[in-house]
Amino acid sequence: MTWLRRALHLPAPESNIGLVLVLCVVTMSFMSVALVWQAQIIANQREAIQWLEQLKFGS
């Protein structure tokens, strides 16, 4: 645990900060694409559920 505390107190070089920022941007991009994909799946499921309810209740 002490090595972690020592490692986190060291100032980060500019190259590491840039690398971490690029990694964060790429990760956020993948997460936003996954969120849109999940929203489409949820919308399709809502349509299927409404169709099944209409079929069941005969509306």
N, C-alpha and C. Protein backbone atom coordinates (compact mmCIF):
# COMPACT_ATOMS: atom_id res chain seq x y z
N MET A 1 0.82 -1.19 0.00
CA MET A 1 0.00 0.00 0.00
C MET A 1 0.87 1.26 0.00
N THR A 2 1.99 1.19 0.66
CA THR A 2 2.86 2.37 0.71
C THR A 2 3.46 2.67 -0.66
N TRP A 3 3.74 1.61 -1.46
CA TRP A 3 4.30 1.85 -2.80
C TRP A 3 3.28 2.55 -3.68
N LEU A 4 2.00 2.24 -3.47
CA LEU A 4 0.94 2.90 -4.24
C LEU A 4 0.85 4.38 -3.86
N ARG A 5 0.96 4.65 -2.57
CA ARG A 5 0.92 6.04 -2.11
C ARG A 5 2.11 6.82 -2.66
N ARG A 6 3.30 6.20 -2.68
CA ARG A 6 4.48 6.87 -3.24
C ARG A 6 4.33 7.09 -4.74
N ALA A 7 3.76 6.11 -5.44
CA ALA A 7 3.62 6.22 -6.90
C ALA A 7 2.60 7.31 -7.27
N LEU A 8 1.58 7.47 -6.47
CA LEU A 8 0.56 8.47 -6.78
C LEU A 8 0.98 9.88 -6.42
N HIS A 9 1.96 10.03 -5.54
CA HIS A 9 2.42 11.36 -5.17
C HIS A 9 3.44 11.92 -6.14
N LEU A 10 3.98 11.07 -7.03
CA LEU A 10 4.95 11.56 -8.00
C LEU A 10 4.23 12.35 -9.09
N PRO A 11 4.82 13.45 -9.55
CA PRO A 11 4.20 14.18 -10.66
C PRO A 11 4.26 13.37 -11.95
N ALA A 12 3.21 13.42 -12.72
CA ALA A 12 3.15 12.65 -13.97
C ALA A 12 3.82 13.43 -15.09
N PRO A 13 4.66 12.76 -15.88
CA PRO A 13 5.26 13.44 -17.03
C PRO A 13 4.19 13.77 -18.08
N GLU A 14 4.49 14.75 -18.94
CA GLU A 14 3.54 15.18 -19.97
C GLU A 14 3.16 14.05 -20.90
N SER A 15 4.10 13.18 -21.22
CA SER A 15 3.80 12.08 -22.15
C SER A 15 2.78 11.12 -21.54
N ASN A 16 2.87 10.87 -20.25
CA ASN A 16 1.91 9.97 -19.60
C ASN A 16 0.53 10.61 -19.54
N ILE A 17 0.47 11.90 -19.29
CA ILE A 17 -0.82 12.58 -19.22
C ILE A 17 -1.51 12.53 -20.59
N GLY A 18 -0.76 12.76 -21.65
CA GLY A 18 -1.32 12.69 -22.99
C GLY A 18 -1.83 11.30 -23.32
N LEU A 19 -1.06 10.29 -22.93
CA LEU A 19 -1.45 8.91 -23.18
C LEU A 19 -2.74 8.56 -22.43
N VAL A 20 -2.82 8.98 -21.20
CA VAL A 20 -4.02 8.71 -20.40
C VAL A 20 -5.22 9.44 -20.98
N LEU A 21 -5.03 10.67 -21.42
CA LEU A 21 -6.15 11.41 -22.02
C LEU A 21 -6.64 10.75 -23.30
N VAL A 22 -5.71 10.28 -24.13
CA VAL A 22 -6.10 9.58 -25.35
C VAL A 22 -6.85 8.30 -25.00
N LEU A 23 -6.38 7.57 -24.01
CA LEU A 23 -7.05 6.34 -23.58
C LEU A 23 -8.46 6.65 -23.07
N CYS A 24 -8.61 7.73 -22.33
CA CYS A 24 -9.94 8.12 -21.82
C CYS A 24 -10.88 8.49 -22.96
N VAL A 25 -10.38 9.21 -23.95
CA VAL A 25 -11.22 9.61 -25.08
C VAL A 25 -11.67 8.38 -25.86
N VAL A 26 -10.77 7.44 -26.10
CA VAL A 26 -11.13 6.23 -26.83
C VAL A 26 -12.14 5.41 -26.04
N THR A 27 -11.92 5.28 -24.74
CA THR A 27 -12.84 4.53 -23.90
C THR A 27 -14.23 5.18 -23.88
N MET A 28 -14.28 6.50 -23.75
CA MET A 28 -15.56 7.19 -23.75
C MET A 28 -16.27 7.05 -25.10
N SER A 29 -15.51 7.01 -26.18
CA SER A 29 -16.11 6.83 -27.50
C SER A 29 -16.77 5.46 -27.60
N PHE A 30 -16.06 4.42 -27.14
CA PHE A 30 -16.64 3.08 -27.16
C PHE A 30 -17.88 3.01 -26.28
N MET A 31 -17.84 3.67 -25.14
CA MET A 31 -18.98 3.64 -24.23
C MET A 31 -20.19 4.36 -24.83
N SER A 32 -19.97 5.45 -25.53
CA SER A 32 -21.09 6.16 -26.14
C SER A 32 -21.71 5.35 -27.28
N VAL A 33 -20.87 4.66 -28.06
CA VAL A 33 -21.39 3.79 -29.12
C VAL A 33 -22.19 2.65 -28.50
N ALA A 34 -21.69 2.07 -27.42
CA ALA A 34 -22.41 0.99 -26.75
C ALA A 34 -23.73 1.49 -26.18
N LEU A 35 -23.77 2.71 -25.69
CA LEU A 35 -25.00 3.26 -25.14
C LEU A 35 -26.06 3.45 -26.21
N VAL A 36 -25.66 3.94 -27.37
CA VAL A 36 -26.60 4.10 -28.49
C VAL A 36 -27.10 2.73 -28.95
N TRP A 37 -26.21 1.76 -29.01
CA TRP A 37 -26.58 0.40 -29.42
C TRP A 37 -27.59 -0.19 -28.44
N GLN A 38 -27.35 0.00 -27.14
CA GLN A 38 -28.28 -0.52 -26.14
C GLN A 38 -29.63 0.20 -26.23
N ALA A 39 -29.64 1.48 -26.53
CA ALA A 39 -30.89 2.22 -26.65
C ALA A 39 -31.72 1.68 -27.81
N GLN A 40 -31.07 1.31 -28.90
CA GLN A 40 -31.79 0.73 -30.03
C GLN A 40 -32.39 -0.62 -29.66
N ILE A 41 -31.64 -1.42 -28.92
CA ILE A 41 -32.15 -2.73 -28.49
C ILE A 41 -33.36 -2.55 -27.57
N ILE A 42 -33.29 -1.61 -26.65
CA ILE A 42 -34.40 -1.36 -25.73
C ILE A 42 -35.63 -0.87 -26.49
N ALA A 43 -35.43 -0.02 -27.49
CA ALA A 43 -36.56 0.46 -28.29
C ALA A 43 -37.21 -0.69 -29.05
N ASN A 44 -36.40 -1.60 -29.60
CA ASN A 44 -36.96 -2.76 -30.30
C ASN A 44 -37.73 -3.66 -29.35
N GLN A 45 -37.23 -3.81 -28.13
CA GLN A 45 -37.93 -4.64 -27.16
C GLN A 45 -39.26 -4.00 -26.77
N ARG A 46 -39.29 -2.68 -26.66
CA ARG A 46 -40.54 -1.99 -26.31
C ARG A 46 -41.58 -2.22 -27.40
N GLU A 47 -41.16 -2.16 -28.66
CA GLU A 47 -42.09 -2.41 -29.77
C GLU A 47 -42.61 -3.84 -29.71
N ALA A 48 -41.75 -4.80 -29.41
CA ALA A 48 -42.17 -6.20 -29.34
C ALA A 48 -43.13 -6.42 -28.17
N ILE A 49 -42.89 -5.78 -27.06
CA ILE A 49 -43.78 -5.92 -25.91
C ILE A 49 -45.15 -5.32 -26.22
N GLN A 50 -45.18 -4.16 -26.85
CA GLN A 50 -46.47 -3.56 -27.21
C GLN A 50 -47.23 -4.45 -28.20
N TRP A 51 -46.52 -5.05 -29.14
CA TRP A 51 -47.17 -5.95 -30.10
C TRP A 51 -47.75 -7.16 -29.39
N LEU A 52 -47.00 -7.72 -28.44
CA LEU A 52 -47.50 -8.88 -27.69
C LEU A 52 -48.70 -8.51 -26.82
N GLU A 53 -48.69 -7.32 -26.22
CA GLU A 53 -49.84 -6.90 -25.43
C GLU A 53 -51.08 -6.73 -26.30
N GLN A 54 -50.93 -6.18 -27.48
CA GLN A 54 -52.06 -6.02 -28.38
C GLN A 54 -52.58 -7.39 -28.82
N LEU A 55 -51.67 -8.33 -29.06
CA LEU A 55 -52.07 -9.67 -29.46
C LEU A 55 -52.82 -10.37 -28.33
N LYS A 56 -52.34 -10.20 -27.10
CA LYS A 56 -52.94 -10.87 -25.95
C LYS A 56 -54.31 -10.29 -25.63
N PHE A 57 -54.44 -8.97 -25.62
CA PHE A 57 -55.69 -8.34 -25.20
C PHE A 57 -56.63 -8.08 -26.39
N GLY A 58 -56.19 -8.30 -27.60
CA GLY A 58 -57.03 -8.15 -28.76
C GLY A 58 -57.42 -6.72 -29.10
N SER A 59 -56.53 -5.78 -28.79
CA SER A 59 -56.82 -4.36 -29.05
C SER A 59 -56.61 -4.02 -30.50
